[in-house]
Amino acid sequence: MNRLLTALFLACAGLTACSPSAHLGRTAKSLVNDPALRNAHVGISIYDPATGAYRYNYQGDKFFVPASNTKLATCYAALKHLGDSLPALRYAYEGDSAIDIFPTGDPTFLHSAFTWQPVLRFLQGTKATIYLSESHWQDEPLGPGWSWNDYQNAFMSERNAFPVYENLARFSFDTLQKGSVKALQARPSYFSQMGDTLFFRSADFSIGRALGSNSFYFDKGTSFLRAEIPFRTNNDSTAAAILRREWGINIVRRDRARPRGALALIRSQPTDSMLKRMMHNSNNFLAEQSLLMVSNEMLGVMNEDRVIDSVLRTDLADLPQKPRWADGSGLSRYNLFTPQDMVSILDHMRRDFGLDRIKSILPTGNTGTLYSYYRNEQGRLWAKTGSLSGVVSISGFAYDKKGRLLLFSVLVNNHQGLASDVRRAVERFIESML
């Protein structure tokens, strides 16, 4: 009898030692103790939707700065509220001679990646005087907690109701003229100095923008080829000026409340095409404008604080821990989510919209922001990455070797090593769980 009990005990101990949780515990310990993560804070959650149980948790209920993993919450809200195609412009005629337009925040307007531009065709085709109203705009150009001294970086375009050209001024040397003379091009041409092309003997300078205006200047630099610098939106007056200069469309700004009756609506791109670009490139501008568009559809105004509060009270009311959600992109360090929150958002996406649709939006191994990572997991793993100084995050879906779907989130804060070393260490851990 004693021998039988001993044998049973040893068998159970062997099963426990070989269980998925025990294996994950050992590999997670290796991740936490990796030299690249020494002294860092790490949170891990791995969830099995088939059983409705977590396969592993390590500080899964603790709050972390998620960086661009915040875009998962934004993507969910956009899928929930923007429809199959983006609401691009609402308008109402005043007789035959005037038309009031109410922009929706559509970030694809005059975006270089989207050639079909129904709003542009509409504005070019109308003979009525066009009055632009932004009375529904109730937010700020820059988000809460953004680093103000990044204002010249392309990843921090200003937010507004009527974005054009991604709210970026682009400068480049595109043409060679007579040997060493080079032509500086500006797109949109509205930002060309004195309205004409400038010519230079060398490219040993850089271009910058003054903090409070659209005054661009030359500075000392080396090997200048191109630059992308956010421009000041100035309550959409810049957009109106650009449309006059580039397309001959005369728009007069006139804030007024929306008419009580129904407004006509123009739709633009398929929503998923915009979201795919947002998630594959981790595009902050698309994310911020997406959340503002959701606000406009849900509340009739563009205000990120209000729409975040609404989504957390309704669509995402059942998150395991209530996050501090500050912006649409994850640029803000005010954002705080737990790994379990991220897994819950992923599960909402899977259940509400179907995994096939989510797979078409998120990058898989060796694509998008996962380029050169998870090469062996292409077609088996789809995820959103995130990074800020001292922050590396990844959350997504993956199939293990037995074909079982897992939802996972790994959030790393306050690391002092190279971000690439941290990403590789996390990659080794995730691949070990599959």
Protein backbone atom coordinates (compact mmCIF):
# COMPACT_ATOMS: atom_id res chain seq x y z
CA MET A 1 0.00 0.00 0.00
CA ASN A 2 2.81 2.37 0.94
CA ARG A 3 4.59 1.56 -2.32
CA LEU A 4 1.42 2.33 -4.29
CA LEU A 5 0.97 5.69 -2.56
CA THR A 6 4.64 6.54 -3.17
CA ALA A 7 4.29 5.65 -6.83
CA LEU A 8 1.17 7.79 -7.17
CA PHE A 9 2.87 10.71 -5.42
CA LEU A 10 5.91 10.50 -7.70
CA ALA A 11 3.67 10.27 -10.76
CA CYS A 12 1.70 13.37 -9.70
CA ALA A 13 4.93 15.22 -8.94
CA GLY A 14 6.24 14.32 -12.39
CA LEU A 15 3.05 15.56 -14.07
CA THR A 16 3.24 18.82 -12.12
CA ALA A 17 6.87 19.32 -13.05
CA CYS A 18 5.98 18.84 -16.73
CA SER A 19 2.80 20.94 -16.62
CA PRO A 20 2.55 24.04 -18.84
CA SER A 21 2.42 26.29 -15.77
CA ALA A 22 5.59 24.80 -14.32
CA HIS A 23 7.37 25.14 -17.66
CA LEU A 24 6.22 28.75 -18.02
CA GLY A 25 7.33 29.48 -14.48
CA ARG A 26 10.86 28.28 -15.23
CA THR A 27 11.14 30.21 -18.50
CA ALA A 28 9.60 33.32 -16.92
CA LYS A 29 12.24 33.15 -14.20
CA SER A 30 14.88 33.09 -16.92
CA LEU A 31 13.31 36.18 -18.49
CA VAL A 32 13.13 38.12 -15.24
CA ASN A 33 16.76 37.22 -14.44
CA ASP A 34 18.04 38.01 -17.93
CA PRO A 35 20.88 40.59 -17.75
CA ALA A 36 18.98 42.92 -20.11
CA LEU A 37 16.09 43.08 -17.63
CA ARG A 38 18.11 43.33 -14.45
CA ASN A 39 16.28 45.62 -12.00
CA ALA A 40 13.39 46.07 -14.45
CA HIS A 41 9.73 45.60 -13.57
CA VAL A 42 8.06 42.76 -15.50
CA GLY A 43 4.43 41.69 -15.83
CA ILE A 44 3.26 38.55 -17.66
CA SER A 45 -0.21 37.14 -18.35
CA ILE A 46 -0.95 34.12 -20.54
CA TYR A 47 -4.59 33.19 -21.03
CA ASP A 48 -6.23 30.10 -22.54
CA PRO A 49 -9.65 31.14 -23.94
CA ALA A 50 -10.69 27.50 -24.45
CA THR A 51 -10.60 26.87 -20.71
CA GLY A 52 -11.34 30.44 -19.64
CA ALA A 53 -8.35 30.32 -17.29
CA TYR A 54 -4.93 31.89 -17.08
CA ARG A 55 -2.14 29.50 -17.89
CA TYR A 56 0.38 31.77 -16.17
CA ASN A 57 0.51 35.07 -14.32
CA TYR A 58 3.49 36.96 -12.99
CA GLN A 59 2.49 40.34 -11.62
CA GLY A 60 -0.38 40.21 -14.09
CA ASP A 61 -2.52 42.45 -11.90
CA LYS A 62 0.13 45.17 -11.49
CA PHE A 63 0.04 48.41 -13.44
CA PHE A 64 2.64 49.23 -16.10
CA VAL A 65 3.20 51.96 -18.67
CA PRO A 66 2.20 50.05 -21.83
CA ALA A 67 3.55 52.44 -24.50
CA SER A 68 1.95 51.61 -27.87
CA ASN A 69 0.08 48.61 -26.48
CA THR A 70 -2.42 51.36 -25.63
CA LYS A 71 -3.34 51.23 -29.33
CA LEU A 72 -5.07 47.90 -28.67
CA ALA A 73 -7.71 49.72 -26.60
CA THR A 74 -8.01 52.40 -29.30
CA CYS A 75 -8.30 49.79 -32.02
CA TYR A 76 -11.06 48.02 -30.11
CA ALA A 77 -13.02 51.27 -29.71
CA ALA A 78 -12.61 52.07 -33.41
CA LEU A 79 -13.80 48.62 -34.46
CA LYS A 80 -16.78 49.02 -32.16
CA HIS A 81 -17.92 52.50 -33.18
CA LEU A 82 -16.62 53.62 -36.59
CA GLY A 83 -18.46 51.16 -38.81
CA ASP A 84 -17.09 49.39 -41.89
CA SER A 85 -15.87 52.65 -43.46
CA LEU A 86 -14.64 55.84 -41.88
CA PRO A 87 -17.02 58.77 -41.38
CA ALA A 88 -15.10 61.47 -43.22
CA LEU A 89 -17.20 64.65 -43.34
CA ARG A 90 -20.64 65.83 -42.28
CA TYR A 91 -22.28 68.78 -44.00
CA ALA A 92 -25.49 70.76 -44.44
CA TYR A 93 -26.50 73.15 -47.23
CA GLU A 94 -27.87 76.64 -46.55
CA GLY A 95 -29.92 77.09 -49.66
CA ASP A 96 -27.87 76.88 -52.85
CA SER A 97 -25.16 79.38 -52.00
CA ALA A 98 -23.55 78.09 -48.79
CA ILE A 99 -22.58 74.84 -47.17
CA ASP A 100 -21.46 74.17 -43.60
CA ILE A 101 -18.93 71.37 -43.17
CA PHE A 102 -18.21 69.63 -39.89
CA PRO A 103 -14.99 67.58 -40.07
CA THR A 104 -14.89 64.23 -38.26
CA GLY A 105 -11.15 64.02 -37.58
CA ASP A 106 -10.58 61.53 -40.44
CA PRO A 107 -6.77 61.08 -40.57
CA THR A 108 -6.80 59.63 -44.09
CA PHE A 109 -7.74 62.95 -45.74
CA LEU A 110 -4.91 63.72 -48.20
CA HIS A 111 -2.84 60.95 -46.57
CA SER A 112 -0.22 59.69 -49.03
CA ALA A 113 -1.17 56.03 -48.45
CA PHE A 114 -4.82 56.55 -49.43
CA THR A 115 -5.31 57.59 -53.04
CA TRP A 116 -9.13 57.57 -53.02
CA GLN A 117 -10.20 60.94 -51.62
CA PRO A 118 -14.01 61.39 -51.71
CA VAL A 119 -13.94 64.47 -49.47
CA LEU A 120 -11.51 66.23 -51.80
CA ARG A 121 -13.72 65.45 -54.80
CA PHE A 122 -16.76 66.76 -52.94
CA LEU A 123 -15.08 70.02 -51.92
CA GLN A 124 -13.74 70.57 -55.44
CA GLY A 125 -17.13 69.90 -56.96
CA THR A 126 -19.30 72.22 -54.88
CA LYS A 127 -20.03 75.73 -56.13
CA ALA A 128 -21.38 76.91 -52.79
CA THR A 129 -19.35 78.94 -50.31
CA ILE A 130 -17.77 76.47 -47.88
CA TYR A 131 -17.94 77.33 -44.19
CA LEU A 132 -15.79 75.24 -41.86
CA SER A 133 -17.00 74.73 -38.30
CA GLU A 134 -15.03 73.09 -35.51
CA SER A 135 -17.45 73.89 -32.68
CA HIS A 136 -17.43 70.16 -31.84
CA TRP A 137 -13.67 70.21 -31.17
CA GLN A 138 -13.10 70.15 -27.40
CA ASP A 139 -9.50 69.00 -27.01
CA GLU A 140 -5.88 70.13 -27.30
CA PRO A 141 -3.41 69.68 -30.18
CA LEU A 142 -0.97 67.71 -27.98
CA GLY A 143 -1.99 64.92 -25.63
CA PRO A 144 -1.59 64.80 -21.84
CA GLY A 145 1.84 63.72 -20.71
CA TRP A 146 3.46 64.07 -24.12
CA SER A 147 7.07 65.26 -24.13
CA TRP A 148 6.84 68.84 -25.35
CA ASN A 149 10.41 68.86 -26.71
CA ASP A 150 9.48 66.10 -29.20
CA TYR A 151 7.21 68.55 -31.03
CA GLN A 152 9.44 68.49 -34.14
CA ASN A 153 9.41 64.69 -34.46
CA ALA A 154 7.15 63.08 -37.04
CA PHE A 155 5.72 60.67 -34.47
CA MET A 156 4.07 63.58 -32.63
CA SER A 157 1.77 65.25 -35.15
CA GLU A 158 -0.77 67.62 -33.65
CA ARG A 159 -4.38 66.47 -33.25
CA ASN A 160 -7.28 68.42 -34.74
CA ALA A 161 -10.75 68.16 -36.25
CA PHE A 162 -9.67 68.55 -39.88
CA PRO A 163 -6.26 66.91 -40.46
CA VAL A 164 -4.57 67.17 -43.85
CA TYR A 165 -1.43 65.47 -45.16
CA GLU A 166 -1.00 63.69 -41.78
CA ASN A 167 -0.38 67.17 -40.31
CA LEU A 168 3.22 66.86 -41.50
CA ALA A 169 5.39 69.20 -43.58
CA ARG A 170 7.83 67.19 -45.69
CA PHE A 171 11.09 68.57 -47.03
CA SER A 172 13.41 66.71 -49.38
CA PHE A 173 16.09 67.05 -52.06
CA ASP A 174 14.29 65.32 -54.91
CA THR A 175 15.96 66.85 -57.96
CA LEU A 176 19.52 67.49 -59.06
CA GLN A 177 20.04 70.68 -61.05
CA LYS A 178 23.22 71.35 -63.04
CA GLY A 179 25.69 69.18 -61.23
CA SER A 180 25.99 69.95 -57.53
CA VAL A 181 23.01 72.31 -57.26
CA LYS A 182 20.09 70.66 -55.47
CA ALA A 183 16.45 71.63 -55.31
CA LEU A 184 14.68 71.66 -51.96
CA GLN A 185 11.08 70.55 -52.27
CA ALA A 186 8.32 71.10 -49.73
CA ARG A 187 5.13 69.06 -49.56
CA PRO A 188 2.59 70.51 -49.29
CA SER A 189 4.05 73.37 -51.31
CA TYR A 190 2.32 75.76 -48.90
CA PHE A 191 5.45 75.39 -46.75
CA SER A 192 7.90 76.31 -49.52
CA GLN A 193 9.99 79.33 -48.62
CA MET A 194 8.58 82.37 -50.47
CA GLY A 195 6.39 79.99 -52.47
CA ASP A 196 9.22 78.85 -54.76
CA THR A 197 11.76 76.04 -54.93
CA LEU A 198 15.05 76.83 -53.19
CA PHE A 199 18.39 75.71 -54.60
CA PHE A 200 21.53 74.81 -52.63
CA ARG A 201 25.11 73.84 -53.41
CA SER A 202 25.24 71.39 -50.49
CA ALA A 203 22.96 69.69 -48.01
CA ASP A 204 24.99 70.49 -44.91
CA PHE A 205 22.12 71.85 -42.88
CA SER A 206 18.94 70.73 -41.17
CA ILE A 207 15.42 72.14 -41.07
CA GLY A 208 13.54 72.95 -37.89
CA ARG A 209 10.33 74.63 -36.79
CA ALA A 210 9.77 77.26 -34.15
CA LEU A 211 7.82 75.98 -31.16
CA GLY A 212 4.76 78.23 -31.40
CA SER A 213 4.38 78.84 -35.13
CA ASN A 214 4.79 77.46 -38.64
CA SER A 215 8.06 79.33 -39.11
CA PHE A 216 10.60 76.84 -40.48
CA TYR A 217 14.30 77.61 -40.31
CA PHE A 218 17.65 76.29 -41.48
CA ASP A 219 20.23 75.14 -38.98
CA LYS A 220 23.67 73.56 -39.04
CA GLY A 221 23.60 69.89 -39.86
CA THR A 222 25.12 67.24 -42.09
CA SER A 223 23.95 65.11 -44.99
CA PHE A 224 20.40 66.40 -45.10
CA LEU A 225 18.16 64.34 -47.39
CA ARG A 226 14.62 64.63 -46.04
CA ALA A 227 12.67 65.72 -43.01
CA GLU A 228 9.14 65.30 -41.74
CA ILE A 229 8.08 67.92 -39.21
CA PRO A 230 4.62 68.37 -37.69
CA PHE A 231 3.06 71.72 -38.48
CA ARG A 232 0.87 73.84 -36.22
CA THR A 233 -2.77 73.17 -37.00
CA ASN A 234 -3.91 76.53 -35.54
CA ASN A 235 -7.55 75.54 -35.03
CA ASP A 236 -7.75 74.16 -38.58
CA SER A 237 -6.79 77.50 -40.15
CA THR A 238 -3.63 75.82 -41.50
CA ALA A 239 -5.76 73.14 -43.18
CA ALA A 240 -7.93 75.81 -44.81
CA ALA A 241 -4.83 77.68 -46.04
CA ILE A 242 -3.30 74.50 -47.47
CA LEU A 243 -6.50 73.62 -49.34
CA ARG A 244 -6.59 77.10 -50.86
CA ARG A 245 -2.94 76.90 -51.95
CA GLU A 246 -2.80 73.29 -53.11
CA TRP A 247 -6.27 72.72 -54.55
CA GLY A 248 -7.86 76.12 -55.06
CA ILE A 249 -10.60 75.35 -52.53
CA ASN A 250 -11.70 78.43 -50.64
CA ILE A 251 -12.89 77.59 -47.12
CA VAL A 252 -14.05 80.17 -44.60
CA ARG A 253 -13.85 79.32 -40.90
CA ARG A 254 -17.11 80.01 -39.11
CA ASP A 255 -17.84 78.19 -35.87
CA ARG A 256 -21.48 77.41 -35.34
CA ALA A 257 -23.42 74.70 -33.56
CA ARG A 258 -24.51 71.73 -35.59
CA PRO A 259 -27.98 72.07 -37.10
CA ARG A 260 -30.64 70.08 -35.27
CA GLY A 261 -31.59 68.10 -38.34
CA ALA A 262 -29.65 65.16 -39.72
CA LEU A 263 -26.41 66.01 -41.48
CA ALA A 264 -25.33 64.40 -44.73
CA LEU A 265 -22.30 62.13 -44.34
CA ILE A 266 -19.41 61.26 -46.64
CA ARG A 267 -17.47 58.11 -45.83
CA SER A 268 -13.91 57.45 -46.92
CA GLN A 269 -11.61 54.45 -46.44
CA PRO A 270 -12.49 50.97 -45.19
CA THR A 271 -11.96 51.18 -41.44
CA ASP A 272 -9.81 48.06 -41.34
CA SER A 273 -7.40 49.43 -43.95
CA MET A 274 -6.68 52.41 -41.72
CA LEU A 275 -6.44 50.27 -38.57
CA LYS A 276 -4.06 47.85 -40.27
CA ARG A 277 -1.71 50.69 -41.13
CA MET A 278 -2.05 52.05 -37.60
CA MET A 279 -1.15 48.73 -35.99
CA HIS A 280 1.52 47.57 -38.43
CA ASN A 281 3.41 50.88 -38.31
CA SER A 282 2.40 51.80 -34.77
CA ASN A 283 1.28 55.14 -36.16
CA ASN A 284 0.53 57.57 -33.35
CA PHE A 285 -1.29 60.08 -35.55
CA LEU A 286 -3.75 57.49 -36.86
CA ALA A 287 -4.35 56.24 -33.33
CA GLU A 288 -5.01 59.67 -31.85
CA GLN A 289 -7.37 60.68 -34.63
CA SER A 290 -9.14 57.31 -34.46
CA LEU A 291 -10.04 57.83 -30.83
CA LEU A 292 -11.20 61.38 -31.56
CA MET A 293 -13.40 60.03 -34.35
CA VAL A 294 -14.89 57.52 -31.91
CA SER A 295 -15.59 60.43 -29.56
CA ASN A 296 -17.34 62.31 -32.35
CA GLU A 297 -19.52 59.29 -33.18
CA MET A 298 -20.36 58.42 -29.57
CA LEU A 299 -20.69 61.87 -28.03
CA GLY A 300 -21.04 64.38 -30.86
CA VAL A 301 -17.84 66.16 -29.76
CA MET A 302 -14.12 65.42 -30.00
CA ASN A 303 -12.75 65.00 -26.50
CA GLU A 304 -10.44 62.13 -25.60
CA ASP A 305 -10.98 62.32 -21.84
CA ARG A 306 -14.74 62.01 -22.26
CA VAL A 307 -14.65 59.19 -24.79
CA ILE A 308 -12.13 57.20 -22.74
CA ASP A 309 -14.41 57.52 -19.73
CA SER A 310 -17.40 56.41 -21.82
CA VAL A 311 -15.65 53.36 -23.28
CA LEU A 312 -14.37 52.28 -19.87
CA ARG A 313 -17.86 52.59 -18.38
CA THR A 314 -19.55 50.66 -21.20
CA ASP A 315 -17.64 48.50 -23.69
CA LEU A 316 -14.69 47.76 -21.39
CA ALA A 317 -16.42 47.97 -18.01
CA ASP A 318 -15.37 44.40 -17.15
CA LEU A 319 -11.60 44.83 -17.37
CA PRO A 320 -9.90 43.00 -14.46
CA GLN A 321 -8.31 46.23 -13.18
CA LYS A 322 -9.55 49.68 -14.18
CA PRO A 323 -6.70 51.24 -16.16
CA ARG A 324 -5.58 54.83 -16.29
CA TRP A 325 -6.08 55.42 -19.99
CA ALA A 326 -4.76 58.82 -21.04
CA ASP A 327 -4.47 58.98 -24.85
CA GLY A 328 -5.06 57.05 -28.04
CA SER A 329 -1.49 56.27 -29.06
CA GLY A 330 0.48 55.40 -25.92
CA LEU A 331 2.78 58.40 -26.21
CA SER A 332 1.75 59.45 -22.73
CA ARG A 333 3.44 58.00 -19.67
CA TYR A 334 0.22 58.71 -17.80
CA ASN A 335 -1.19 55.49 -19.30
CA LEU A 336 -1.26 52.58 -16.86
CA PHE A 337 -2.61 49.14 -17.79
CA THR A 338 -2.06 45.67 -16.33
CA PRO A 339 -1.10 42.62 -18.41
CA GLN A 340 -4.48 41.14 -17.47
CA ASP A 341 -6.18 44.27 -18.86
CA MET A 342 -4.37 43.77 -22.16
CA VAL A 343 -5.38 40.12 -22.34
CA SER A 344 -8.99 41.08 -21.58
CA ILE A 345 -9.00 43.67 -24.39
CA LEU A 346 -7.61 41.06 -26.78
CA ASP A 347 -10.34 38.65 -25.72
CA HIS A 348 -12.99 41.33 -26.33
CA MET A 349 -11.58 41.83 -29.82
CA ARG A 350 -11.62 38.08 -30.51
CA ARG A 351 -15.17 37.56 -29.26
CA ASP A 352 -16.72 40.72 -30.70
CA PHE A 353 -15.11 40.82 -34.14
CA GLY A 354 -13.70 37.35 -34.83
CA LEU A 355 -10.09 36.26 -34.86
CA ASP A 356 -9.81 36.28 -38.65
CA ARG A 357 -10.60 39.99 -38.77
CA ILE A 358 -8.10 40.77 -36.01
CA LYS A 359 -5.42 38.71 -37.77
CA SER A 360 -5.90 40.92 -40.84
CA ILE A 361 -5.21 44.04 -38.74
CA LEU A 362 -2.36 43.00 -36.44
CA PRO A 363 1.12 42.21 -37.79
CA THR A 364 2.33 38.63 -37.69
CA GLY A 365 5.94 37.45 -37.23
CA ASN A 366 8.56 39.31 -39.27
CA THR A 367 6.09 41.96 -40.48
CA GLY A 368 5.32 45.53 -39.40
CA THR A 369 6.85 46.39 -36.04
CA LEU A 370 7.62 42.67 -35.62
CA TYR A 371 10.04 42.82 -38.55
CA SER A 372 13.10 40.60 -37.86
CA TYR A 373 11.34 39.20 -34.76
CA TYR A 374 9.31 36.00 -34.43
CA ARG A 375 10.40 34.80 -37.87
CA ASN A 376 9.52 31.21 -36.99
CA GLU A 377 6.09 32.27 -35.75
CA GLN A 378 4.85 33.87 -38.96
CA GLY A 379 1.24 32.81 -39.39
CA ARG A 380 1.13 31.57 -35.78
CA LEU A 381 1.51 34.82 -33.82
CA TRP A 382 -0.11 38.24 -34.20
CA ALA A 383 0.79 41.02 -31.79
CA LYS A 384 1.16 44.72 -31.01
CA THR A 385 4.48 45.99 -29.75
CA GLY A 386 5.23 49.10 -27.73
CA SER A 387 8.31 51.04 -26.76
CA LEU A 388 9.30 54.18 -24.91
CA SER A 389 12.51 54.93 -23.08
CA GLY A 390 12.77 52.15 -20.50
CA VAL A 391 9.58 50.46 -21.77
CA VAL A 392 9.15 47.37 -23.95
CA SER A 393 5.76 45.71 -24.37
CA ILE A 394 4.06 43.13 -26.53
CA SER A 395 0.53 41.70 -26.39
CA GLY A 396 -1.23 39.44 -28.83
CA PHE A 397 -2.45 36.05 -29.99
CA ALA A 398 -0.46 32.88 -30.71
CA TYR A 399 -1.00 29.19 -31.32
CA ASP A 400 1.08 26.67 -29.39
CA LYS A 401 2.53 23.50 -30.91
CA LYS A 402 -0.71 21.65 -30.22
CA GLY A 403 -2.74 24.26 -32.08
CA ARG A 404 -4.27 25.80 -28.96
CA LEU A 405 -4.88 29.55 -29.03
CA LEU A 406 -3.23 31.62 -26.32
CA LEU A 407 -3.64 35.31 -25.49
CA PHE A 408 -0.57 36.89 -23.95
CA SER A 409 0.83 40.15 -22.64
CA VAL A 410 4.37 40.93 -21.50
CA LEU A 411 5.00 44.45 -20.16
CA VAL A 412 8.51 45.57 -19.15
CA ASN A 413 9.12 48.91 -17.41
CA ASN A 414 12.24 50.70 -16.16
CA HIS A 415 14.82 48.56 -17.92
CA GLN A 416 18.28 50.05 -18.24
CA GLY A 417 19.58 47.81 -21.00
CA LEU A 418 19.37 48.10 -24.76
CA ALA A 419 15.78 47.91 -25.96
CA SER A 420 16.80 45.38 -28.63
CA ASP A 421 18.27 43.08 -25.96
CA VAL A 422 15.05 43.29 -23.96
CA ARG A 423 12.96 42.52 -27.04
CA ARG A 424 15.09 39.46 -27.83
CA ALA A 425 14.79 38.20 -24.27
CA VAL A 426 11.00 38.60 -24.42
CA GLU A 427 11.00 36.90 -27.82
CA ARG A 428 12.82 33.88 -26.39
CA PHE A 429 10.29 33.64 -23.56
CA ILE A 430 7.24 33.87 -25.84
CA GLU A 431 8.64 31.32 -28.29
CA SER A 432 9.32 28.96 -25.40
CA MET A 433 5.65 28.99 -24.42
CA LEU A 434 4.51 27.93 -27.91
